[in-house]
Amino acid sequence: MVTGAAGFIGSHVVDRLLRDGEDVVGVDNLSSGTLANLSAARSPEMGTFSFHSIDITSDALAEAIARSEPEVILHLAALGGPRCSPLPRYRFPVASPCVIVPKIRRI
């Protein structure tokens, strides 16, 4: 599973994992990433890829983790762009694992 899958970095990680033969579940709320970044991943010849438009702070993430049972979660979700104040942007990558880990523990 890759959080932030539709972002610039996340989409490249997804493409690489698929080229390496991995099944990939992408999660992104599309607040700054785009589905266009996942165009290669969504093509049938790339491999098994599924995408969920989910905010990682919602309970839907725990449901997606339970359904997909990922072996690994690559947490790349972050607030992007200069349109928000710096404090929330810097706090998000640090605080978001505190949101994800309890969701994983519930499973």
Protein backbone atom coordinates (compact mmCIF):
# COMPACT_ATOMS: atom_id res chain seq x y z
CA MET A 1 0.00 0.00 0.00
CA VAL A 2 1.24 3.46 -0.88
CA THR A 3 -0.31 6.51 0.78
CA GLY A 4 0.06 9.68 -1.24
CA ALA A 5 0.03 7.50 -4.36
CA ALA A 6 -1.25 10.24 -6.69
CA GLY A 7 1.48 12.71 -5.77
CA PHE A 8 4.66 13.20 -7.75
CA ILE A 9 6.86 10.97 -5.59
CA GLY A 10 4.12 8.48 -4.71
CA SER A 11 3.15 7.89 -8.33
CA HIS A 12 6.75 7.16 -9.29
CA VAL A 13 7.07 4.72 -6.38
CA VAL A 14 3.83 3.02 -7.50
CA ASP A 15 5.13 2.69 -11.06
CA ARG A 16 8.41 1.20 -9.85
CA LEU A 17 6.69 -1.32 -7.57
CA LEU A 18 4.43 -2.41 -10.41
CA ARG A 19 7.39 -2.78 -12.78
CA ASP A 20 9.02 -4.96 -10.11
CA GLY A 21 5.98 -7.25 -10.15
CA GLU A 22 4.36 -6.09 -6.91
CA ASP A 23 0.61 -5.76 -6.41
CA VAL A 24 -0.05 -2.18 -5.32
CA VAL A 25 -2.92 -0.50 -3.50
CA GLY A 26 -2.76 3.28 -3.85
CA VAL A 27 -4.39 5.65 -1.37
CA ASP A 28 -4.70 9.40 -1.85
CA ASN A 29 -7.32 12.04 -1.12
CA LEU A 30 -6.33 13.91 -4.30
CA SER A 31 -5.95 17.20 -2.43
CA SER A 32 -2.70 17.89 -4.25
CA GLY A 33 -2.04 14.72 -6.27
CA THR A 34 -3.89 13.86 -9.48
CA LEU A 35 -5.18 10.73 -11.15
CA ALA A 36 -3.18 11.78 -14.21
CA ASN A 37 -0.04 10.96 -12.23
CA LEU A 38 -1.31 7.38 -12.03
CA SER A 39 -2.08 6.93 -15.73
CA ALA A 40 0.76 4.43 -16.24
CA ALA A 41 -0.15 2.49 -13.09
CA ARG A 42 -3.78 2.23 -14.20
CA SER A 43 -2.89 0.64 -17.53
CA PRO A 44 -3.52 -3.14 -17.62
CA GLU A 45 0.00 -4.05 -18.76
CA MET A 46 1.57 -2.57 -15.61
CA GLY A 47 0.20 -5.16 -13.19
CA THR A 48 -2.28 -5.32 -10.36
CA PHE A 49 -3.12 -1.82 -9.13
CA SER A 50 -6.13 -0.55 -7.23
CA PHE A 51 -6.79 3.00 -6.11
CA HIS A 52 -8.83 4.34 -3.21
CA SER A 53 -9.65 8.03 -2.85
CA ILE A 54 -9.29 8.16 0.93
CA ASP A 55 -8.12 10.75 3.42
CA ILE A 56 -5.59 8.97 5.65
CA THR A 57 -7.08 10.61 8.74
CA SER A 58 -10.47 8.94 8.12
CA ASP A 59 -11.68 5.56 9.34
CA ALA A 60 -11.92 4.50 5.69
CA LEU A 61 -8.15 3.95 5.77
CA ALA A 62 -8.50 1.22 8.40
CA GLU A 63 -11.16 -0.45 6.25
CA ALA A 64 -8.92 -0.30 3.17
CA ILE A 65 -6.02 -1.79 5.13
CA ALA A 66 -8.24 -4.58 6.45
CA ARG A 67 -9.55 -5.38 2.95
CA SER A 68 -6.21 -5.32 1.16
CA GLU A 69 -4.04 -6.81 3.94
CA PRO A 70 -0.84 -5.15 2.68
CA GLU A 71 2.53 -6.62 3.59
CA VAL A 72 4.04 -3.12 3.60
CA ILE A 73 2.65 0.40 3.87
CA LEU A 74 4.79 3.12 2.30
CA HIS A 75 3.56 6.33 3.89
CA LEU A 76 4.20 9.15 1.42
CA ALA A 77 1.07 11.23 2.04
CA ALA A 78 1.74 14.85 2.92
CA LEU A 79 0.15 18.22 2.47
CA GLY A 80 1.54 19.73 -0.68
CA GLY A 81 1.94 23.07 -2.31
CA PRO A 82 2.50 26.56 -0.98
CA ARG A 83 -1.23 27.32 -0.66
CA CYS A 84 -1.38 26.47 3.03
CA SER A 85 0.54 27.92 5.94
CA PRO A 86 3.89 26.27 6.80
CA LEU A 87 2.90 25.01 10.25
CA PRO A 88 0.25 22.48 9.13
CA ARG A 89 2.50 21.33 6.26
CA TYR A 90 5.39 20.52 8.59
CA ARG A 91 3.21 19.04 11.29
CA PHE A 92 1.30 16.69 8.93
CA PRO A 93 4.13 14.27 7.98
CA VAL A 94 5.13 14.00 11.63
CA ALA A 95 1.62 13.62 13.06
CA SER A 96 0.08 11.44 10.35
CA PRO A 97 1.88 8.24 11.42
CA CYS A 98 0.20 8.78 14.78
CA VAL A 99 -3.08 8.53 12.87
CA ILE A 100 -2.13 5.55 10.70
CA VAL A 101 -0.55 3.27 13.32
CA PRO A 102 -3.67 3.01 15.52
CA LYS A 103 -5.71 2.14 12.41
CA ILE A 104 -3.31 -0.71 11.64
CA ARG A 105 -3.41 -1.97 15.22
CA ARG A 106 -7.20 -2.29 15.08
CA ILE A 107 -6.93 -4.92 12.35
